[in-house]
């Protein structure tokens, strides 16, 4: 499995959150939304200009700006990324 920043993951890909490298107040807020290590996440879509993107985590759709998503790292599921390519 490849590890990548959430902001670099392609629409249609999925993976598992490995780590969140943000200040405590931001990572605590994201943890309440479900962005915790070991949680599955899907990249659903992006805005026409590319920012923000919408992710599905624990069945909830969450929009994040690329500035935040680039500090969240996940292990991509290779089967999903091969199909999306």
Protein backbone atom coordinates (compact mmCIF):
# COMPACT_ATOMS: atom_id res chain seq x y z
CA UNK A 1 0.00 0.00 0.00
CA UNK A 2 1.17 3.50 -0.83
CA UNK A 3 1.11 6.36 1.69
CA UNK A 4 0.04 9.72 0.31
CA UNK A 5 -1.30 13.06 1.44
CA UNK A 6 -5.09 13.17 1.34
CA UNK A 7 -4.89 16.22 -0.93
CA UNK A 8 -2.96 14.15 -3.52
CA UNK A 9 -5.37 11.20 -3.55
CA UNK A 10 -7.44 10.95 -6.74
CA UNK A 11 -11.23 11.18 -6.80
CA UNK A 12 -12.58 7.64 -6.50
CA UNK A 13 -9.69 6.37 -4.40
CA UNK A 14 -9.97 5.07 -0.85
CA UNK A 15 -7.65 4.28 1.98
CA UNK A 16 -7.04 4.29 5.71
CA UNK A 17 -5.87 7.33 7.67
CA UNK A 18 -2.31 6.77 8.86
CA UNK A 19 -1.58 10.05 10.63
CA UNK A 20 -2.66 13.68 10.97
CA UNK A 21 0.21 16.21 11.14
CA UNK A 22 -1.57 19.37 12.26
CA UNK A 23 -1.57 21.52 15.43
CA UNK A 24 -3.49 19.97 18.32
CA UNK A 25 -6.50 22.31 18.09
CA UNK A 26 -7.01 21.46 14.41
CA UNK A 27 -6.31 17.74 14.75
CA UNK A 28 -8.68 17.55 17.75
CA UNK A 29 -11.44 19.14 15.66
CA UNK A 30 -10.76 16.73 12.78
CA UNK A 31 -10.75 13.81 15.23
CA UNK A 32 -14.31 14.75 16.20
CA UNK A 33 -15.20 14.51 12.50
CA UNK A 34 -13.64 11.04 12.34
CA UNK A 35 -10.18 11.76 10.93
CA UNK A 36 -8.35 9.31 13.18
CA UNK A 37 -5.61 6.78 12.39
CA UNK A 38 -7.13 3.51 11.22
CA UNK A 39 -10.34 5.06 9.86
CA UNK A 40 -11.40 4.34 6.26
CA UNK A 41 -11.85 7.30 3.94
CA UNK A 42 -13.03 7.75 0.35
CA UNK A 43 -12.35 10.67 -1.98
CA UNK A 44 -15.78 11.51 -3.44
CA UNK A 45 -15.45 14.67 -5.52
CA UNK A 46 -13.82 18.05 -5.84
CA UNK A 47 -15.07 21.53 -6.57
CA UNK A 48 -14.72 22.71 -10.19
CA UNK A 49 -11.64 24.76 -9.25
CA UNK A 50 -10.18 21.77 -7.34
CA UNK A 51 -10.64 23.10 -3.82
CA UNK A 52 -12.31 22.05 -1.56
CA UNK A 53 -12.77 18.30 -1.93
CA UNK A 54 -15.43 16.10 -0.39
CA UNK A 55 -14.49 12.96 1.52
CA UNK A 56 -16.60 10.19 3.05
CA UNK A 57 -15.46 9.09 6.47
CA UNK A 58 -17.56 6.81 8.68
CA UNK A 59 -20.52 7.34 6.35
CA UNK A 60 -20.40 11.14 6.67
CA UNK A 61 -19.44 13.48 3.83
CA UNK A 62 -16.94 16.16 4.88
CA UNK A 63 -15.48 18.99 2.80
CA UNK A 64 -11.86 19.97 3.42
CA UNK A 65 -9.62 22.51 1.77
CA UNK A 66 -6.40 21.22 0.22
CA UNK A 67 -4.40 23.30 2.72
CA UNK A 68 -5.75 21.08 5.51
CA UNK A 69 -5.92 17.81 3.55
CA UNK A 70 -2.23 17.94 2.65
CA UNK A 71 -1.39 17.31 6.33
CA UNK A 72 -3.51 14.15 6.55
CA UNK A 73 -1.78 11.00 5.34
CA UNK A 74 -3.40 7.75 4.32
CA UNK A 75 -2.50 4.33 3.03
CA UNK A 76 -4.27 3.93 -0.29
CA UNK A 77 -6.09 0.71 -1.09
CA UNK A 78 -4.30 -0.51 -4.23
CA UNK A 79 -7.36 -2.32 -5.64
CA UNK A 80 -9.41 0.88 -5.61
CA UNK A 81 -6.64 3.05 -7.06
CA UNK A 82 -6.09 0.55 -9.92
CA UNK A 83 -9.80 0.66 -10.82
CA UNK A 84 -9.92 4.47 -10.65
CA UNK A 85 -6.94 4.86 -12.99
